[in-house]
Amino acid sequence: MPNEFVVIGGASGFIGRALAASFENDGIRVVRLVRRDATSPDEVRWMDGRDLDPTVLAGASAVFCLNGSSVGSLPWTKKKRAEFRHSRVVPRHLIARALATLGPDAPHFVHASAAGIYGFDAGRVDESSPIGSGFTAALAEVTEVSTRLTTTPTTHARIGVVLHPDSVLRPLIPLTLAGVAGRLGTGTQSWPWVAYEDAVAGLRFAAERRLAGPVNITGPTRATATDITFAVARELNKPYLVPVPAFALRAVLGREAANNLLLIDTEVRPQRLLDAGYAFRYPTAEEAIHDSLAGLRLDA
């Protein structure tokens, strides 16, 4: 479509960069919402406490909000928790308020929530499952609630643990290269993983299909913590010998952070993506890790 464009908040993040690039590679213009002074015609500065000009969003094919500081930033102090909330709620609130003024012609809204909304020990869940308990569940819930100012169809993209060197693999890679990789806790806990490419493509798919409501952006097959950490060691040709008990993880990271980040035991099914016909590029965690670590692979 000539002159087609999308608007992205959080385009400088590791998912946002790839999402923006995927649109631009397809000839679709990307308007970036930025916190600093705009340096190009395709950048718009927005600020806390000031309404976002609705005309920035008018006519877009879709609006994405990926803003939110990383919950991997430790320790989870009171100040850090407030930052997690503020960095998510305020941008979504501003976008939702601007979209509300556009009425029925408003573009579809997709924002990044989290698979952690189901809780850290919920078992096997899908989009019909209830919201769980714990900090990450509460954080994801308030993130989704912050979009309710608009009646625009909105996708709550409940993104899983992204298997990428800039995400959950970041702390695992140096430990593995140092030869101290091993089981985390029991190792049998299900991680709600997703391949980097599928996280990006899933967001686009949800927007293109206008999938309103919760949509799990997670892999289609179950993977345990051991499946993932062992796959990292195998890809890097390193031993897998040093288990880390749950109590040690909780002592180092804090009980709640350890439970929600590494000891999480929730298999999150991407049922709505599957029902809508999304074809996963990487249907297993092992395939996703093989691709994401290609540039780091060492000779045996």
Protein backbone atom coordinates (compact mmCIF):
# COMPACT_ATOMS: atom_id res chain seq x y z
CA MET A 1 0.00 0.00 0.00
CA PRO A 2 1.53 3.38 -1.02
CA ASN A 3 2.51 5.63 1.89
CA GLU A 4 1.83 2.86 4.42
CA PHE A 5 3.41 3.48 7.81
CA VAL A 6 3.46 2.18 11.36
CA VAL A 7 4.28 3.92 14.63
CA ILE A 8 6.59 2.30 17.18
CA GLY A 9 7.30 3.35 20.74
CA GLY A 10 10.35 1.56 22.12
CA ALA A 11 11.97 1.13 18.70
CA SER A 12 15.46 1.36 20.22
CA GLY A 13 15.02 -1.83 22.26
CA PHE A 14 16.28 -5.17 20.98
CA ILE A 15 12.81 -6.28 19.82
CA GLY A 16 11.87 -2.79 18.65
CA ARG A 17 14.95 -2.51 16.44
CA ALA A 18 14.18 -5.78 14.70
CA LEU A 19 10.48 -4.94 14.36
CA ALA A 20 11.27 -1.57 12.78
CA ALA A 21 13.80 -3.16 10.43
CA SER A 22 11.30 -5.82 9.34
CA PHE A 23 8.80 -3.16 8.30
CA GLU A 24 11.40 -1.01 6.57
CA ASN A 25 12.71 -4.04 4.68
CA ASP A 26 9.18 -4.45 3.32
CA GLY A 27 9.04 -0.82 2.22
CA ILE A 28 6.80 0.32 5.09
CA ARG A 29 7.73 3.61 6.72
CA VAL A 30 8.35 3.56 10.47
CA VAL A 31 7.62 6.55 12.66
CA ARG A 32 9.57 6.24 15.91
CA LEU A 33 8.41 7.78 19.18
CA VAL A 34 11.58 8.91 20.97
CA ARG A 35 12.45 10.48 24.34
CA ARG A 36 15.28 12.64 22.99
CA ASP A 37 15.09 15.44 20.46
CA ALA A 38 13.91 14.18 17.07
CA THR A 39 16.71 13.99 14.50
CA SER A 40 14.72 12.98 11.40
CA PRO A 41 11.24 13.52 9.92
CA ASP A 42 10.33 9.97 10.96
CA GLU A 43 10.96 10.64 14.65
CA VAL A 44 8.53 12.26 17.08
CA ARG A 45 9.56 13.26 20.57
CA TRP A 46 7.17 12.45 23.38
CA MET A 47 7.46 13.33 27.04
CA ASP A 48 5.94 12.26 30.35
CA GLY A 49 3.15 14.58 31.43
CA ARG A 50 2.38 15.82 27.93
CA ASP A 51 -0.32 14.43 25.68
CA LEU A 52 0.79 12.75 22.48
CA ASP A 53 -0.49 14.51 19.37
CA PRO A 54 -3.12 12.13 17.90
CA THR A 55 -2.27 13.22 14.35
CA VAL A 56 1.03 11.36 14.75
CA LEU A 57 -0.94 8.11 14.95
CA ALA A 58 -3.74 8.91 12.50
CA GLY A 59 -3.60 6.86 9.32
CA ALA A 60 -1.05 4.34 10.59
CA SER A 61 -1.53 0.66 9.77
CA ALA A 62 -0.72 -0.14 13.39
CA VAL A 63 0.73 1.41 16.52
CA PHE A 64 3.17 -0.56 18.67
CA CYS A 65 4.29 0.18 22.22
CA LEU A 66 7.26 -1.89 23.36
CA ASN A 67 8.45 0.48 26.08
CA GLY A 68 9.51 -0.91 29.43
CA SER A 69 12.78 -1.20 31.33
CA SER A 70 14.15 -4.72 31.59
CA VAL A 71 13.09 -6.81 34.58
CA GLY A 72 16.46 -8.49 34.21
CA SER A 73 17.93 -5.40 35.86
CA LEU A 74 18.77 -6.50 39.40
CA PRO A 75 18.31 -6.23 42.31
CA TRP A 76 14.56 -5.59 42.43
CA THR A 77 14.68 -2.70 44.85
CA LYS A 78 11.60 -0.61 45.63
CA LYS A 79 12.93 2.09 43.32
CA LYS A 80 13.58 -0.40 40.52
CA ARG A 81 10.09 -1.87 40.79
CA ALA A 82 8.59 1.61 40.53
CA GLU A 83 10.72 2.19 37.41
CA PHE A 84 9.46 -1.05 35.86
CA ARG A 85 5.88 0.12 36.35
CA HIS A 86 6.39 3.75 35.29
CA SER A 87 8.30 2.83 32.11
CA ARG A 88 5.40 0.63 31.02
CA VAL A 89 2.28 2.40 32.24
CA VAL A 90 3.01 5.98 31.16
CA PRO A 91 3.80 5.33 27.46
CA ARG A 92 0.78 3.04 27.04
CA HIS A 93 -1.46 5.50 28.81
CA LEU A 94 -0.35 8.33 26.50
CA ILE A 95 -0.83 6.27 23.35
CA ALA A 96 -4.22 4.94 24.48
CA ARG A 97 -5.41 8.46 25.28
CA ALA A 98 -4.32 9.71 21.85
CA LEU A 99 -5.95 6.76 20.07
CA ALA A 100 -9.20 7.38 21.95
CA THR A 101 -9.57 10.75 20.20
CA LEU A 102 -9.39 9.13 16.75
CA GLY A 103 -12.61 7.17 17.17
CA PRO A 104 -13.43 4.19 14.93
CA ASP A 105 -10.71 5.12 12.44
CA ALA A 106 -7.94 4.61 14.99
CA PRO A 107 -5.22 2.13 13.99
CA HIS A 108 -4.85 -1.24 15.67
CA PHE A 109 -2.80 -1.03 18.89
CA VAL A 110 -0.25 -3.69 19.86
CA HIS A 111 1.67 -3.41 23.10
CA ALA A 112 4.18 -5.66 24.83
CA SER A 113 2.87 -7.38 27.92
CA ALA A 114 4.53 -10.51 29.31
CA ALA A 115 3.93 -14.24 29.60
CA GLY A 116 4.74 -13.78 33.27
CA ILE A 117 1.16 -12.55 33.72
CA TYR A 118 0.12 -16.14 34.44
CA GLY A 119 2.42 -16.40 37.46
CA PHE A 120 5.66 -18.29 37.98
CA ASP A 121 4.19 -21.71 38.78
CA ALA A 122 0.95 -21.90 36.81
CA GLY A 123 1.58 -25.15 34.92
CA ARG A 124 0.18 -25.31 31.37
CA VAL A 125 -1.79 -22.21 30.36
CA ASP A 126 -3.17 -20.38 27.33
CA GLU A 127 -4.91 -17.06 26.73
CA SER A 128 -8.08 -18.24 28.50
CA SER A 129 -6.19 -18.87 31.75
CA PRO A 130 -6.52 -16.48 34.71
CA ILE A 131 -3.93 -13.93 35.75
CA GLY A 132 -1.53 -15.36 38.31
CA SER A 133 0.19 -14.01 41.39
CA GLY A 134 3.61 -12.54 42.05
CA PHE A 135 5.43 -9.40 40.97
CA THR A 136 5.77 -10.09 37.25
CA ALA A 137 2.10 -11.08 37.02
CA ALA A 138 1.05 -7.87 38.77
CA LEU A 139 3.41 -5.84 36.56
CA ALA A 140 1.99 -7.34 33.37
CA GLU A 141 -1.56 -6.83 34.60
CA VAL A 142 -1.09 -3.13 35.35
CA THR A 143 0.65 -2.79 31.98
CA GLU A 144 -2.43 -4.15 30.21
CA VAL A 145 -4.83 -2.10 32.31
CA SER A 146 -2.98 1.08 31.29
CA THR A 147 -4.27 0.67 27.71
CA ARG A 148 -7.95 0.78 28.66
CA LEU A 149 -8.46 4.47 27.93
CA THR A 150 -9.10 3.55 24.32
CA THR A 151 -11.79 1.41 22.71
CA THR A 152 -9.42 0.79 19.81
CA PRO A 153 -8.88 -2.96 19.20
CA THR A 154 -5.78 -3.74 21.25
CA THR A 155 -3.43 -6.72 21.27
CA HIS A 156 -1.95 -7.55 24.67
CA ALA A 157 1.15 -9.33 23.36
CA ARG A 158 2.19 -11.61 26.22
CA ILE A 159 5.78 -12.15 25.17
CA GLY A 160 7.74 -15.06 26.59
CA VAL A 161 11.41 -15.46 27.47
CA VAL A 162 13.19 -14.40 24.27
CA LEU A 163 16.07 -16.72 23.38
CA HIS A 164 18.54 -14.07 22.28
CA PRO A 165 21.99 -12.91 23.47
CA ASP A 166 20.47 -9.55 24.48
CA SER A 167 17.84 -11.24 26.65
CA VAL A 168 17.81 -14.37 28.83
CA LEU A 169 20.90 -15.81 27.13
CA ARG A 170 23.03 -12.82 28.15
CA PRO A 171 23.97 -14.12 31.64
CA LEU A 172 24.08 -17.74 30.45
CA ILE A 173 26.64 -17.23 27.69
CA PRO A 174 29.62 -16.02 29.81
CA LEU A 175 28.95 -18.67 32.45
CA THR A 176 28.85 -21.35 29.78
CA LEU A 177 32.01 -20.07 28.09
CA ALA A 178 33.71 -20.15 31.50
CA GLY A 179 32.81 -23.83 31.82
CA VAL A 180 30.39 -23.45 34.71
CA ALA A 181 27.09 -24.22 32.98
CA GLY A 182 24.64 -26.61 34.56
CA ARG A 183 21.14 -27.31 35.78
CA LEU A 184 19.24 -24.39 37.35
CA GLY A 185 17.20 -25.59 40.31
CA THR A 186 15.58 -28.91 39.44
CA GLY A 187 15.93 -28.06 35.76
CA THR A 188 12.52 -29.58 35.05
CA GLN A 189 10.66 -26.26 35.22
CA SER A 190 8.97 -25.15 31.97
CA TRP A 191 10.23 -21.88 30.57
CA PRO A 192 7.78 -19.86 28.40
CA TRP A 193 10.34 -19.31 25.65
CA VAL A 194 10.10 -17.75 22.20
CA ALA A 195 12.58 -17.37 19.35
CA TYR A 196 13.71 -13.82 18.61
CA GLU A 197 12.48 -13.94 15.01
CA ASP A 198 9.11 -15.35 16.08
CA ALA A 199 8.71 -12.65 18.73
CA VAL A 200 9.05 -10.01 16.02
CA ALA A 201 7.02 -11.85 13.39
CA GLY A 202 4.34 -12.70 15.95
CA LEU A 203 3.87 -9.03 16.77
CA ARG A 204 3.44 -8.21 13.09
CA PHE A 205 1.06 -11.13 12.58
CA ALA A 206 -1.11 -10.04 15.51
CA ALA A 207 -1.31 -6.52 14.09
CA GLU A 208 -2.05 -7.66 10.54
CA ARG A 209 -4.76 -10.06 11.73
CA ARG A 210 -6.04 -7.50 14.25
CA LEU A 211 -6.05 -10.04 17.05
CA ALA A 212 -7.61 -8.07 19.90
CA GLY A 213 -7.19 -9.15 23.52
CA PRO A 214 -4.45 -11.35 24.97
CA VAL A 215 -2.14 -13.09 22.50
CA ASN A 216 0.69 -15.27 23.79
CA ILE A 217 3.92 -14.67 21.86
CA THR A 218 5.62 -17.89 22.91
CA GLY A 219 7.03 -21.01 21.28
CA PRO A 220 4.67 -23.85 20.32
CA THR A 221 6.54 -26.65 22.10
CA ARG A 222 7.48 -27.21 25.73
CA ALA A 223 11.06 -26.62 26.85
CA THR A 224 12.49 -27.00 30.33
CA ALA A 225 15.22 -24.89 31.86
CA THR A 226 17.58 -27.82 31.35
CA ASP A 227 16.59 -28.15 27.69
CA ILE A 228 17.54 -24.52 27.16
CA THR A 229 20.69 -24.27 29.27
CA PHE A 230 22.01 -27.59 27.94
CA ALA A 231 21.34 -26.45 24.36
CA VAL A 232 23.41 -23.32 25.03
CA ALA A 233 26.31 -25.44 26.33
CA ARG A 234 26.07 -27.79 23.36
CA GLU A 235 26.04 -24.94 20.84
CA LEU A 236 29.11 -23.39 22.47
CA ASN A 237 30.86 -26.78 22.78
CA LYS A 238 31.24 -26.42 26.52
CA PRO A 239 30.65 -28.84 29.41
CA TYR A 240 27.40 -28.97 31.33
CA LEU A 241 28.53 -30.03 34.77
CA VAL A 242 27.82 -27.43 37.46
CA PRO A 243 24.26 -27.48 38.86
CA VAL A 244 23.03 -24.42 40.73
CA PRO A 245 20.45 -25.27 43.41
CA ALA A 246 17.33 -23.16 43.78
CA PHE A 247 18.35 -21.86 47.21
CA ALA A 248 21.59 -20.47 45.75
CA LEU A 249 19.73 -18.68 42.95
CA ARG A 250 17.34 -17.17 45.48
CA ALA A 251 20.20 -16.09 47.72
CA VAL A 252 22.02 -14.34 44.88
CA LEU A 253 19.11 -12.85 42.93
CA GLY A 254 16.50 -12.48 45.65
CA ARG A 255 13.67 -14.93 46.15
CA GLU A 256 11.09 -13.21 43.96
CA ALA A 257 13.47 -12.42 41.10
CA ALA A 258 14.83 -15.96 41.07
CA ASN A 259 11.34 -17.47 41.11
CA ASN A 260 10.08 -15.24 38.30
CA LEU A 261 13.16 -15.21 36.06
CA LEU A 262 14.94 -18.58 36.34
CA LEU A 263 12.75 -20.89 38.41
CA ILE A 264 9.54 -20.02 36.57
CA ASP A 265 7.54 -23.16 35.82
CA THR A 266 4.78 -22.13 33.42
CA GLU A 267 4.22 -23.58 29.97
CA VAL A 268 2.51 -20.81 28.00
CA ARG A 269 0.74 -22.04 24.87
CA PRO A 270 0.43 -19.60 21.90
CA GLN A 271 -3.07 -20.86 21.19
CA ARG A 272 -4.41 -17.78 19.45
CA LEU A 273 -1.42 -17.56 17.10
CA LEU A 274 -1.81 -21.23 16.25
CA ASP A 275 -5.57 -20.90 15.73
CA ALA A 276 -5.01 -17.92 13.42
CA GLY A 277 -2.57 -19.90 11.28
CA TYR A 278 0.77 -18.43 12.34
CA ALA A 279 3.67 -20.61 11.11
CA PHE A 280 6.56 -20.61 13.57
CA ARG A 281 10.04 -20.12 12.12
CA TYR A 282 11.57 -21.93 15.10
CA PRO A 283 9.13 -24.43 16.63
CA THR A 284 11.62 -25.75 19.20
CA ALA A 285 13.87 -24.01 21.69
CA GLU A 286 16.86 -25.96 20.41
CA GLU A 287 16.36 -24.57 16.90
CA ALA A 288 15.98 -21.05 18.25
CA ILE A 289 19.19 -21.32 20.29
CA HIS A 290 21.10 -22.83 17.37
CA ASP A 291 20.17 -19.80 15.26
CA SER A 292 20.71 -17.15 17.93
CA LEU A 293 24.19 -18.41 18.89
CA ALA A 294 25.45 -18.96 15.35
CA GLY A 295 27.94 -16.11 15.64
CA LEU A 296 29.30 -17.35 18.97
CA ARG A 297 29.71 -21.03 18.14
CA LEU A 298 33.13 -22.44 18.96
CA ASP A 299 34.94 -25.35 17.34
CA ALA A 300 34.80 -28.55 19.32
